Amino acid sequence: MDKLKQLESFVSVATRGSLTAAANAEGVAPAIMGRRLDALEERLGVKLLLRTTRRITLTHEGSAFLEDCQRIIADVANAEASVSAGGVKASGHLRITAPAGFGRRHVAPLVPRFRELHPDVSISLNLSDRVVDIAGEGFDCAVRVGDMPDSSLVSVRMADNRRLCVATPAYLKRHGTPQTPADLPRFQCLALTSDASQTRGWAFKLPAGAQDAAGKEGEVIHLKPAGPLDCSDGQVLHDWCLAGYGIAWRSTWEVESEIAAGQLVAVLEDYAAPPNGIYAVFPQRKHLPLRVRLWIDFLKERYGAPGFWRAV
């Protein structure tokens, strides 16, 4: 007897709670479903279901086995779909989360495009600047910017992200251009307020041969420039910078298109700190649902496309 058919019959009976209901769904006699279950239990040497005339209940072993069977059946269906004439066919509900600013600009526009490719997938997008508990809150995948701490989560690096000091050409024409990070106190710097997440300040990498205050060479240093304007919202700082009110320290994902268009100019590039990453993060799983794998592949392809960050 087909082993997969036995597993499918077991799942059908367990989830429907009735031999008759499972048999009707498949269009066979209840006796056939019963024989498949008997053969499965005999082969495994364990009782999976307790059957009475009134109801069917799972044993402890049956409950554990049910989850594995459902995963196996889903994996087989995904494998068959991936080589079928119609191509990959993902389905189900995809719950994703991302930081608010990055998500509005670089995740939200891609969600409808992904669904056009996979119309059987429904999608919920959550945008929040708090660190979302992915597993605890039932999310399939998160997009996160910045170095990833050690955790039980799995992360896939999709792109590099750098922080740059930027200003408008008009501002630099009026006030000059800083040559080293030590020059920044002479300029109007647009900084996050002290209660915002950027607690360590702006990061700079000293060039080879240069020393920090402790006499160390090539170290990453942190400064907290002050100015007449600060804000707890990064988008506001970005807007103020574009309006010519000062120098801001922003991510390349946020300003690269404006730099390419000549609206902003990067300064102190020789001192830019090493890049961090843009990651897809998901709970530790042996078998990732097809819709999640396809979503991550989709993001990697888009974020890795030449000119993506300059064009959006």
C-alpha atoms as a PDB file:
ATOM      1  CA  MET A   1       0.000   0.000   0.000  1.00  0.00           C
ATOM      2  CA  ASP A   2       1.239   3.509  -0.845  1.00  0.00           C
ATOM      3  CA  LYS A   3       2.910   4.960   2.294  1.00  0.00           C
ATOM      4  CA  LEU A   4       2.020   8.513   1.324  1.00  0.00           C
ATOM      5  CA  LYS A   5      -1.620   7.552   0.854  1.00  0.00           C
ATOM      6  CA  GLN A   6      -1.607   6.089   4.371  1.00  0.00           C
ATOM      7  CA  LEU A   7      -0.230   9.328   5.756  1.00  0.00           C
ATOM      8  CA  GLU A   8      -2.772  11.409   3.827  1.00  0.00           C
ATOM      9  CA  SER A   9      -5.614   9.211   5.103  1.00  0.00           C
ATOM     10  CA  PHE A  10      -4.349   9.499   8.686  1.00  0.00           C
ATOM     11  CA  VAL A  11      -4.207  13.305   8.436  1.00  0.00           C
ATOM     12  CA  SER A  12      -7.649  13.470   6.860  1.00  0.00           C
ATOM     13  CA  VAL A  13      -9.251  11.309   9.552  1.00  0.00           C
ATOM     14  CA  ALA A  14      -7.392  13.079  12.395  1.00  0.00           C
ATOM     15  CA  THR A  15      -8.319  16.568  11.234  1.00  0.00           C
ATOM     16  CA  ARG A  16     -11.925  15.710  10.367  1.00  0.00           C
ATOM     17  CA  GLY A  17     -12.477  13.528  13.434  1.00  0.00           C
ATOM     18  CA  SER A  18     -14.401  10.897  11.516  1.00  0.00           C
ATOM     19  CA  LEU A  19     -13.720   7.978   9.178  1.00  0.00           C
ATOM     20  CA  THR A  20     -16.933   8.745   7.329  1.00  0.00           C
ATOM     21  CA  ALA A  21     -16.115  12.412   6.802  1.00  0.00           C
ATOM     22  CA  ALA A  22     -12.613  11.586   5.566  1.00  0.00           C
ATOM     23  CA  ALA A  23     -13.959   8.871   3.264  1.00  0.00           C
ATOM     24  CA  ASN A  24     -16.609  11.188   1.837  1.00  0.00           C
ATOM     25  CA  ALA A  25     -13.986  13.855   1.138  1.00  0.00           C
ATOM     26  CA  GLU A  26     -11.949  11.365  -0.884  1.00  0.00           C
ATOM     27  CA  GLY A  27     -14.925   9.594  -2.430  1.00  0.00           C
ATOM     28  CA  VAL A  28     -14.164   6.129  -1.050  1.00  0.00           C
ATOM     29  CA  ALA A  29     -15.873   3.794   1.410  1.00  0.00           C
ATOM     30  CA  PRO A  30     -15.142   4.257   5.142  1.00  0.00           C
ATOM     31  CA  ALA A  31     -13.886   0.664   5.257  1.00  0.00           C
ATOM     32  CA  ILE A  32     -11.067   1.598   2.870  1.00  0.00           C
ATOM     33  CA  MET A  33      -9.975   4.442   5.138  1.00  0.00           C
ATOM     34  CA  GLY A  34     -10.080   2.049   8.081  1.00  0.00           C
ATOM     35  CA  ARG A  35      -7.842  -0.480   6.311  1.00  0.00           C
ATOM     36  CA  ARG A  36      -5.300   2.221   5.498  1.00  0.00           C
ATOM     37  CA  LEU A  37      -5.145   3.289   9.131  1.00  0.00           C
ATOM     38  CA  ASP A  38      -4.824  -0.313  10.306  1.00  0.00           C
ATOM     39  CA  ALA A  39      -1.960  -0.886   7.883  1.00  0.00           C
ATOM     40  CA  LEU A  40      -0.203   2.321   9.008  1.00  0.00           C
ATOM     41  CA  GLU A  41      -0.454   1.464  12.699  1.00  0.00           C
ATOM     42  CA  GLU A  42       0.702  -2.097  12.071  1.00  0.00           C
ATOM     43  CA  ARG A  43       3.699  -0.874  10.074  1.00  0.00           C
ATOM     44  CA  LEU A  44       4.688   1.630  12.773  1.00  0.00           C
ATOM     45  CA  GLY A  45       3.888  -0.678  15.661  1.00  0.00           C
ATOM     46  CA  VAL A  46       2.075   2.053  17.570  1.00  0.00           C
ATOM     47  CA  LYS A  47      -1.509   3.129  18.138  1.00  0.00           C
ATOM     48  CA  LEU A  48      -2.218   6.506  16.535  1.00  0.00           C
ATOM     49  CA  LEU A  49      -5.974   6.795  16.937  1.00  0.00           C
ATOM     50  CA  LEU A  50      -8.478   5.624  19.508  1.00  0.00           C
ATOM     51  CA  ARG A  51     -11.618   4.693  17.573  1.00  0.00           C
ATOM     52  CA  THR A  52     -15.050   4.177  19.112  1.00  0.00           C
ATOM     53  CA  THR A  53     -18.467   4.107  17.533  1.00  0.00           C
ATOM     54  CA  ARG A  54     -19.010   7.720  18.575  1.00  0.00           C
ATOM     55  CA  ARG A  55     -15.701   9.487  17.954  1.00  0.00           C
ATOM     56  CA  ILE A  56     -12.031   9.268  17.060  1.00  0.00           C
ATOM     57  CA  THR A  57      -9.304  10.774  19.236  1.00  0.00           C
ATOM     58  CA  LEU A  58      -5.545  11.010  18.812  1.00  0.00           C
ATOM     59  CA  THR A  59      -3.166   9.188  21.114  1.00  0.00           C
ATOM     60  CA  HIS A  60      -0.109  11.020  22.437  1.00  0.00           C
ATOM     61  CA  GLU A  61       1.978   9.386  19.688  1.00  0.00           C
ATOM     62  CA  GLY A  62      -0.679  10.232  17.120  1.00  0.00           C
ATOM     63  CA  SER A  63      -0.629  13.938  18.026  1.00  0.00           C
ATOM     64  CA  ALA A  64       3.138  14.119  17.570  1.00  0.00           C
ATOM     65  CA  PHE A  65       2.976  12.113  14.357  1.00  0.00           C
ATOM     66  CA  LEU A  66       0.206  14.303  12.905  1.00  0.00           C
ATOM     67  CA  GLU A  67       2.393  17.426  12.807  1.00  0.00           C
ATOM     68  CA  ASP A  68       5.172  15.562  11.004  1.00  0.00           C
ATOM     69  CA  CYS A  69       2.702  14.085   8.514  1.00  0.00           C
ATOM     70  CA  GLN A  70       1.210  17.487   7.705  1.00  0.00           C
ATOM     71  CA  ARG A  71       4.686  18.894   7.063  1.00  0.00           C
ATOM     72  CA  ILE A  72       5.644  15.936   4.845  1.00  0.00           C
ATOM     73  CA  ILE A  73       2.474  16.231   2.774  1.00  0.00           C
ATOM     74  CA  ALA A  74       3.011  19.982   2.369  1.00  0.00           C
ATOM     75  CA  ASP A  75       6.631  19.428   1.310  1.00  0.00           C
ATOM     76  CA  VAL A  76       5.574  16.863  -1.291  1.00  0.00           C
ATOM     77  CA  ALA A  77       2.926  19.230  -2.654  1.00  0.00           C
ATOM     78  CA  ASN A  78       5.457  22.070  -2.853  1.00  0.00           C
ATOM     79  CA  ALA A  79       8.022  19.838  -4.575  1.00  0.00           C
ATOM     80  CA  GLU A  80       5.478  18.719  -7.157  1.00  0.00           C
ATOM     81  CA  ALA A  81       4.312  22.276  -7.737  1.00  0.00           C
ATOM     82  CA  SER A  82       7.871  23.501  -8.261  1.00  0.00           C
ATOM     83  CA  VAL A  83       8.359  21.223 -11.276  1.00  0.00           C
ATOM     84  CA  SER A  84       4.812  21.262 -12.624  1.00  0.00           C
ATOM     85  CA  ALA A  85       3.955  22.856 -15.945  1.00  0.00           C
ATOM     86  CA  GLY A  86       2.528  25.859 -14.120  1.00  0.00           C
ATOM     87  CA  GLY A  87       5.720  26.516 -12.160  1.00  0.00           C
ATOM     88  CA  VAL A  88       6.015  27.207  -8.449  1.00  0.00           C
ATOM     89  CA  LYS A  89       2.632  27.580  -6.765  1.00  0.00           C
ATOM     90  CA  ALA A  90       2.791  28.891  -3.233  1.00  0.00           C
ATOM     91  CA  SER A  91      -0.340  29.349  -1.160  1.00  0.00           C
ATOM     92  CA  GLY A  92      -1.494  30.300   2.314  1.00  0.00           C
ATOM     93  CA  HIS A  93      -1.148  33.456   4.414  1.00  0.00           C
ATOM     94  CA  LEU A  94       2.182  35.285   4.727  1.00  0.00           C
ATOM     95  CA  ARG A  95       2.708  37.566   7.750  1.00  0.00           C
ATOM     96  CA  ILE A  96       5.713  39.878   7.445  1.00  0.00           C
ATOM     97  CA  THR A  97       7.023  42.810   9.474  1.00  0.00           C
ATOM     98  CA  ALA A  98       9.582  45.549   8.829  1.00  0.00           C
ATOM     99  CA  PRO A  99      10.810  48.853  10.342  1.00  0.00           C
ATOM    100  CA  ALA A 100       8.362  51.663   9.578  1.00  0.00           C
ATOM    101  CA  GLY A 101      10.558  53.944   7.466  1.00  0.00           C
ATOM    102  CA  PHE A 102      12.381  51.210   5.566  1.00  0.00           C
ATOM    103  CA  GLY A 103       9.173  49.224   5.187  1.00  0.00           C
ATOM    104  CA  ARG A 104       7.214  52.088   3.665  1.00  0.00           C
ATOM    105  CA  ARG A 105       9.927  52.727   1.104  1.00  0.00           C
ATOM    106  CA  HIS A 106      11.423  49.337   0.297  1.00  0.00           C
ATOM    107  CA  VAL A 107       9.005  46.611   1.441  1.00  0.00           C
ATOM    108  CA  ALA A 108       5.455  47.884   0.940  1.00  0.00           C
ATOM    109  CA  PRO A 109       5.877  48.593  -2.810  1.00  0.00           C
ATOM    110  CA  LEU A 110       7.152  45.034  -3.359  1.00  0.00           C
ATOM    111  CA  VAL A 111       4.280  43.263  -1.577  1.00  0.00           C
ATOM    112  CA  PRO A 112       1.702  43.699  -4.389  1.00  0.00           C
ATOM    113  CA  ARG A 113       4.320  42.715  -6.970  1.00  0.00           C
ATOM    114  CA  PHE A 114       5.071  39.498  -5.088  1.00  0.00           C
ATOM    115  CA  ARG A 115       1.382  38.670  -4.892  1.00  0.00           C
ATOM    116  CA  GLU A 116       1.013  39.212  -8.646  1.00  0.00           C
ATOM    117  CA  LEU A 117       3.531  36.382  -9.054  1.00  0.00           C
ATOM    118  CA  HIS A 118       1.814  34.211  -6.415  1.00  0.00           C
ATOM    119  CA  PRO A 119      -1.919  35.025  -6.428  1.00  0.00           C
ATOM    120  CA  ASP A 120      -2.777  32.158  -4.060  1.00  0.00           C
ATOM    121  CA  VAL A 121      -0.823  33.850  -1.257  1.00  0.00           C
ATOM    122  CA  SER A 122      -2.505  36.447   0.973  1.00  0.00           C
ATOM    123  CA  ILE A 123      -0.205  38.883   2.799  1.00  0.00           C
ATOM    124  CA  SER A 124      -0.304  40.946   5.984  1.00  0.00           C
ATOM    125  CA  LEU A 125       2.399  43.618   6.362  1.00  0.00           C
ATOM    126  CA  ASN A 126       3.168  45.093   9.784  1.00  0.00           C
ATOM    127  CA  LEU A 127       5.336  48.221   9.972  1.00  0.00           C
ATOM    128  CA  SER A 128       6.779  49.017  13.383  1.00  0.00           C
ATOM    129  CA  ASP A 129       9.999  50.441  14.792  1.00  0.00           C
ATOM    130  CA  ARG A 130       9.856  48.244  17.877  1.00  0.00           C
ATOM    131  CA  VAL A 131      11.677  44.891  17.825  1.00  0.00           C
ATOM    132  CA  VAL A 132       8.847  42.501  17.040  1.00  0.00           C
ATOM    133  CA  ASP A 133       8.826  39.054  18.678  1.00  0.00           C
ATOM    134  CA  ILE A 134       8.513  37.158  15.409  1.00  0.00           C
ATOM    135  CA  ALA A 135       7.778  33.716  16.772  1.00  0.00           C
ATOM    136  CA  GLY A 136       5.713  34.890  19.720  1.00  0.00           C
ATOM    137  CA  GLU A 137       3.530  37.160  17.590  1.00  0.00           C
ATOM    138  CA  GLY A 138       3.081  34.700  14.752  1.00  0.00           C
ATOM    139  CA  PHE A 139       5.089  36.370  11.982  1.00  0.00           C
ATOM    140  CA  ASP A 140       6.630  34.312   9.194  1.00  0.00           C
ATOM    141  CA  CYS A 141       9.424  36.735   8.334  1.00  0.00           C
ATOM    142  CA  ALA A 142      10.871  40.104   9.354  1.00  0.00           C
ATOM    143  CA  VAL A 143      13.067  42.527   7.441  1.00  0.00           C
ATOM    144  CA  ARG A 144      15.630  44.134   9.731  1.00  0.00           C
ATOM    145  CA  VAL A 145      18.358  46.708   9.191  1.00  0.00           C
ATOM    146  CA  GLY A 146      21.569  46.609  11.219  1.00  0.00           C
ATOM    147  CA  ASP A 147      23.886  44.023  12.689  1.00  0.00           C
ATOM    148  CA  MET A 148      22.035  40.975  13.967  1.00  0.00           C
ATOM    149  CA  PRO A 149      22.520  39.896  17.579  1.00  0.00           C
ATOM    150  CA  ASP A 150      22.953  36.228  18.366  1.00  0.00           C
ATOM    151  CA  SER A 151      19.547  34.627  18.780  1.00  0.00           C
ATOM    152  CA  SER A 152      17.474  31.585  17.976  1.00  0.00           C
ATOM    153  CA  LEU A 153      16.301  33.322  14.801  1.00  0.00           C
ATOM    154  CA  VAL A 154      17.685  32.545  11.364  1.00  0.00           C
ATOM    155  CA  SER A 155      18.880  35.505   9.288  1.00  0.00           C
ATOM    156  CA  VAL A 156      19.685  35.852   5.591  1.00  0.00           C
ATOM    157  CA  ARG A 157      21.744  38.890   4.548  1.00  0.00           C
ATOM    158  CA  MET A 158      20.112  40.443   1.505  1.00  0.00           C
ATOM    159  CA  ALA A 159      22.071  43.669   1.016  1.00  0.00           C
ATOM    160  CA  ASP A 160      24.621  45.985   2.607  1.00  0.00           C
ATOM    161  CA  ASN A 161      23.643  49.224   4.296  1.00  0.00           C
ATOM    162  CA  ARG A 162      25.982  52.103   5.073  1.00  0.00           C
ATOM    163  CA  ARG A 163      25.563  55.294   7.048  1.00  0.00           C
ATOM    164  CA  LEU A 164      26.695  58.522   5.404  1.00  0.00           C
ATOM    165  CA  CYS A 165      26.839  62.180   6.310  1.00  0.00           C
ATOM    166  CA  VAL A 166      24.819  64.083   3.708  1.00  0.00           C
ATOM    167  CA  ALA A 167      23.785  67.652   2.980  1.00  0.00           C
ATOM    168  CA  THR A 168      22.377  69.629   0.076  1.00  0.00           C
ATOM    169  CA  PRO A 169      24.775  71.275  -2.395  1.00  0.00           C
ATOM    170  CA  ALA A 170      23.302  74.656  -1.413  1.00  0.00           C
ATOM    171  CA  TYR A 171      24.041  74.104   2.274  1.00  0.00           C
ATOM    172  CA  LEU A 172      27.641  73.097   1.560  1.00  0.00           C
ATOM    173  CA  LYS A 173      28.086  76.094  -0.745  1.00  0.00           C
ATOM    174  CA  ARG A 174      26.965  78.446   2.048  1.00  0.00           C
ATOM    175  CA  HIS A 175      28.775  76.792   4.962  1.00  0.00           C
ATOM    176  CA  GLY A 176      31.650  74.821   3.451  1.00  0.00           C
ATOM    177  CA  THR A 177      32.392  71.094   3.665  1.00  0.00           C
ATOM    178  CA  PRO A 178      33.734  69.269   6.742  1.00  0.00           C
ATOM    179  CA  GLN A 179      37.051  67.539   6.075  1.00  0.00           C
ATOM    180  CA  THR A 180      37.180  65.321   9.169  1.00  0.00           C
ATOM    181  CA  PRO A 181      34.604  64.267  11.794  1.00  0.00           C
ATOM    182  CA  ALA A 182      36.286  66.709  14.190  1.00  0.00           C
ATOM    183  CA  ASP A 183      34.964  69.562  12.016  1.00  0.00           C
ATOM    184  CA  LEU A 184      31.302  68.682  12.614  1.00  0.00           C
ATOM    185  CA  PRO A 185      30.778  70.915  15.711  1.00  0.00           C
ATOM    186  CA  ARG A 186      31.211  73.924  13.392  1.00  0.00           C
ATOM    187  CA  PHE A 187      28.210  72.837  11.299  1.00  0.00           C
ATOM    188  CA  GLN A 188      24.479  72.548  11.875  1.00  0.00           C
ATOM    189  CA  CYS A 189      24.011  68.812  12.477  1.00  0.00           C
ATOM    190  CA  LEU A 190      20.563  67.252  12.366  1.00  0.00           C
ATOM    191  CA  ALA A 191      20.626  64.564  15.042  1.00  0.00           C
ATOM    192  CA  LEU A 192      18.181  62.200  16.655  1.00  0.00           C
ATOM    193  CA  THR A 193      17.103  63.197  20.136  1.00  0.00           C
ATOM    194  CA  SER A 194      18.911  61.508  23.009  1.00  0.00           C
ATOM    195  CA  ASP A 195      15.917  59.296  23.826  1.00  0.00           C
ATOM    196  CA  ALA A 196      15.853  57.819  20.309  1.00  0.00           C
ATOM    197  CA  SER A 197      17.422  54.512  19.331  1.00  0.00           C
ATOM    198  CA  GLN A 198      20.716  55.938  18.039  1.00  0.00           C
ATOM    199  CA  THR A 199      22.191  56.183  21.535  1.00  0.00           C
ATOM    200  CA  ARG A 200      25.849  55.843  20.558  1.00  0.00           C
ATOM    201  CA  GLY A 201      25.771  58.676  18.046  1.00  0.00           C
ATOM    202  CA  TRP A 202      27.286  58.857  14.576  1.00  0.00           C
ATOM    203  CA  ALA A 203      29.903  56.205  13.722  1.00  0.00           C
ATOM    204  CA  PHE A 204      33.096  56.937  11.777  1.00  0.00           C
ATOM    205  CA  LYS A 205      36.024  54.739  10.773  1.00  0.00           C
ATOM    206  CA  LEU A 206      39.397  56.368  11.174  1.00  0.00           C
ATOM    207  CA  PRO A 207      41.610  55.947   8.100  1.00  0.00           C
ATOM    208  CA  ALA A 208      44.783  53.885   8.283  1.00  0.00           C
ATOM    209  CA  GLY A 209      47.434  55.626  10.337  1.00  0.00           C
ATOM    210  CA  ALA A 210      44.977  57.899  12.149  1.00  0.00           C
ATOM    211  CA  GLN A 211      44.517  57.485  15.897  1.00  0.00           C
ATOM    212  CA  ASP A 212      41.534  57.945  18.159  1.00  0.00           C
ATOM    213  CA  ALA A 213      41.641  59.687  21.546  1.00  0.00           C
ATOM    214  CA  ALA A 214      43.026  56.509  23.122  1.00  0.00           C
ATOM    215  CA  GLY A 215      45.825  56.279  20.564  1.00  0.00           C
ATOM    216  CA  LYS A 216      44.306  53.334  18.669  1.00  0.00           C
ATOM    217  CA  GLU A 217      44.590  53.232  14.885  1.00  0.00           C
ATOM    218  CA  GLY A 218      41.817  52.430  12.432  1.00  0.00           C
ATOM    219  CA  GLU A 219      39.130  52.253  15.101  1.00  0.00           C
ATOM    220  CA  VAL A 220      35.440  53.030  14.731  1.00  0.00           C
ATOM    221  CA  ILE A 221      34.654  56.113  16.791  1.00  0.00           C
ATOM    222  CA  HIS A 222      31.282  57.528  17.841  1.00  0.00           C
ATOM    223  CA  LEU A 223      30.402  61.201  18.005  1.00  0.00           C
ATOM    224  CA  LYS A 224      27.242  62.958  19.118  1.00  0.00           C
ATOM    225  CA  PRO A 225      27.088  66.161  17.065  1.00  0.00           C
ATOM    226  CA  ALA A 226      24.705  68.808  18.305  1.00  0.00           C
ATOM    227  CA  GLY A 227      22.760  71.435  16.429  1.00  0.00           C
ATOM    228  CA  PRO A 228      19.837  73.830  16.681  1.00  0.00           C
ATOM    229  CA  LEU A 229      17.421  71.156  15.393  1.00  0.00           C
ATOM    230  CA  ASP A 230      16.921  67.580  16.517  1.00  0.00           C
ATOM    231  CA  CYS A 231      14.050  65.130  16.278  1.00  0.00           C
ATOM    232  CA  SER A 232      13.087  61.627  17.396  1.00  0.00           C
ATOM    233  CA  ASP A 233      11.888  60.721  13.869  1.00  0.00           C
ATOM    234  CA  GLY A 234      14.421  59.871  11.185  1.00  0.00           C
ATOM    235  CA  GLN A 235      12.093  60.802   8.328  1.00  0.00           C
ATOM    236  CA  VAL A 236      11.810  64.329   9.690  1.00  0.00           C
ATOM    237  CA  LEU A 237      15.621  64.614   9.806  1.00  0.00           C
ATOM    238  CA  HIS A 238      15.734  63.405   6.216  1.00  0.00           C
ATOM    239  CA  ASP A 239      13.190  66.038   5.167  1.00  0.00           C
ATOM    240  CA  TRP A 240      15.047  68.800   7.033  1.00  0.00           C
ATOM    241  CA  CYS A 241      18.280  67.752   5.365  1.00  0.00           C
ATOM    242  CA  LEU A 242      16.662  67.893   1.906  1.00  0.00           C
ATOM    243  CA  ALA A 243      15.365  71.367   2.779  1.00  0.00           C
ATOM    244  CA  GLY A 244      18.936  72.504   3.399  1.00  0.00           C
ATOM    245  CA  TYR A 245      18.865  72.922   7.185  1.00  0.00           C
ATOM    246  CA  GLY A 246      22.074  71.039   7.920  1.00  0.00           C
ATOM    247  CA  ILE A 247      24.077  67.810   7.781  1.00  0.00           C
ATOM    248  CA  ALA A 248      22.388  64.512   8.611  1.00  0.00           C
ATOM    249  CA  TRP A 249      23.737  61.004   9.156  1.00  0.00           C
ATOM    250  CA  ARG A 250      21.456  58.727   7.181  1.00  0.00           C
ATOM    251  CA  SER A 251      21.366  55.214   5.737  1.00  0.00           C
ATOM    252  CA  THR A 252      22.149  54.623   2.090  1.00  0.00           C
ATOM    253  CA  TRP A 253      18.758  52.934   1.652  1.00  0.00           C
ATOM    254  CA  GLU A 254      17.217  56.289   2.515  1.00  0.00           C
ATOM    255  CA  VAL A 255      19.410  58.761   0.616  1.00  0.00           C
ATOM    256  CA  GLU A 256      21.096  56.937  -2.256  1.00  0.00           C
ATOM    257  CA  SER A 257      18.446  57.960  -4.778  1.00  0.00           C
ATOM    258  CA  GLU A 258      18.783  61.623  -3.733  1.00  0.00           C
ATOM    259  CA  ILE A 259      22.580  61.377  -3.991  1.00  0.00           C
ATOM    260  CA  ALA A 260      22.250  59.905  -7.496  1.00  0.00           C
ATOM    261  CA  ALA A 261      19.861  62.728  -8.448  1.00  0.00           C
ATOM    262  CA  GLY A 262      22.215  65.416  -7.100  1.00  0.00           C
ATOM    263  CA  GLN A 263      19.788  66.535  -4.390  1.00  0.00           C
ATOM    264  CA  LEU A 264      22.189  65.465  -1.647  1.00  0.00           C
ATOM    265  CA  VAL A 265      25.959  65.191  -1.443  1.00  0.00           C
ATOM    266  CA  ALA A 266      27.821  62.656   0.707  1.00  0.00           C
ATOM    267  CA  VAL A 267      30.582  64.156   2.854  1.00  0.00           C
ATOM    268  CA  LEU A 268      33.285  62.530   4.992  1.00  0.00           C
ATOM    269  CA  GLU A 269      33.079  59.390   2.835  1.00  0.00           C
ATOM    270  CA  ASP A 270      36.693  58.512   3.682  1.00  0.00           C
ATOM    271  CA  TYR A 271      35.553  58.165   7.293  1.00  0.00           C
ATOM    272  CA  ALA A 272      32.376  56.143   6.655  1.00  0.00           C
ATOM    273  CA  ALA A 273      32.016  53.230   9.065  1.00  0.00           C
ATOM    274  CA  PRO A 274      31.927  49.653   7.684  1.00  0.00           C
ATOM    275  CA  PRO A 275      28.519  48.622   6.343  1.00  0.00           C
ATOM    276  CA  ASN A 276      25.998  46.655   8.313  1.00  0.00           C
ATOM    277  CA  GLY A 277      23.338  44.502   6.704  1.00  0.00           C
ATOM    278  CA  ILE A 278      19.735  44.331   5.613  1.00  0.00           C
ATOM    279  CA  TYR A 279      18.392  40.939   6.659  1.00  0.00           C
ATOM    280  CA  ALA A 280      15.423  38.658   6.266  1.00  0.00           C
ATOM    281  CA  VAL A 281      14.819  37.035   9.647  1.00  0.00           C
ATOM    282  CA  PHE A 282      12.593  34.084  10.448  1.00  0.00           C
ATOM    283  CA  PRO A 283      12.090  31.540  13.263  1.00  0.00           C
ATOM    284  CA  GLN A 284      14.339  28.493  13.397  1.00  0.00           C
ATOM    285  CA  ARG A 285      12.637  25.824  11.307  1.00  0.00           C
ATOM    286  CA  LYS A 286      13.779  22.719   9.521  1.00  0.00           C
ATOM    287  CA  HIS A 287      11.196  23.184   6.810  1.00  0.00           C
ATOM    288  CA  LEU A 288      10.389  26.736   5.782  1.00  0.00           C
ATOM    289  CA  PRO A 289       7.002  27.148   4.053  1.00  0.00           C
ATOM    290  CA  LEU A 290       7.295  27.653   0.316  1.00  0.00           C
ATOM    291  CA  ARG A 291       5.650  31.087   0.452  1.00  0.00           C
ATOM    292  CA  VAL A 292       8.310  32.288   2.929  1.00  0.00           C
ATOM    293  CA  ARG A 293      11.206  30.895   0.894  1.00  0.00           C
ATOM    294  CA  LEU A 294       9.859  32.536  -2.253  1.00  0.00           C
ATOM    295  CA  TRP A 295       9.363  35.866  -0.460  1.00  0.00           C
ATOM    296  CA  ILE A 296      12.972  35.872   0.775  1.00  0.00           C
ATOM    297  CA  ASP A 297      14.271  34.940  -2.676  1.00  0.00           C
ATOM    298  CA  PHE A 298      12.117  37.693  -4.173  1.00  0.00           C
ATOM    299  CA  LEU A 299      13.561  40.315  -1.813  1.00  0.00           C
ATOM    300  CA  LYS A 300      17.145  39.153  -2.417  1.00  0.00           C
ATOM    301  CA  GLU A 301      16.654  39.402  -6.165  1.00  0.00           C
ATOM    302  CA  ARG A 302      15.136  42.894  -5.976  1.00  0.00           C
ATOM    303  CA  TYR A 303      17.592  44.275  -3.417  1.00  0.00           C
ATOM    304  CA  GLY A 304      20.520  42.832  -5.364  1.00  0.00           C
ATOM    305  CA  ALA A 305      19.441  44.314  -8.700  1.00  0.00           C
ATOM    306  CA  PRO A 306      21.843  46.936 -10.095  1.00  0.00           C
ATOM    307  CA  GLY A 307      20.524  50.395  -9.392  1.00  0.00           C
ATOM    308  CA  PHE A 308      17.691  49.286  -7.084  1.00  0.00           C
ATOM    309  CA  TRP A 309      18.618  51.625  -4.226  1.00  0.00           C
ATOM    310  CA  ARG A 310      19.258  54.538  -6.580  1.00  0.00           C
ATOM    311  CA  ALA A 311      15.907  54.184  -8.298  1.00  0.00           C
ATOM    312  CA  VAL A 312      13.534  54.156  -5.312  1.00  0.00           C
END
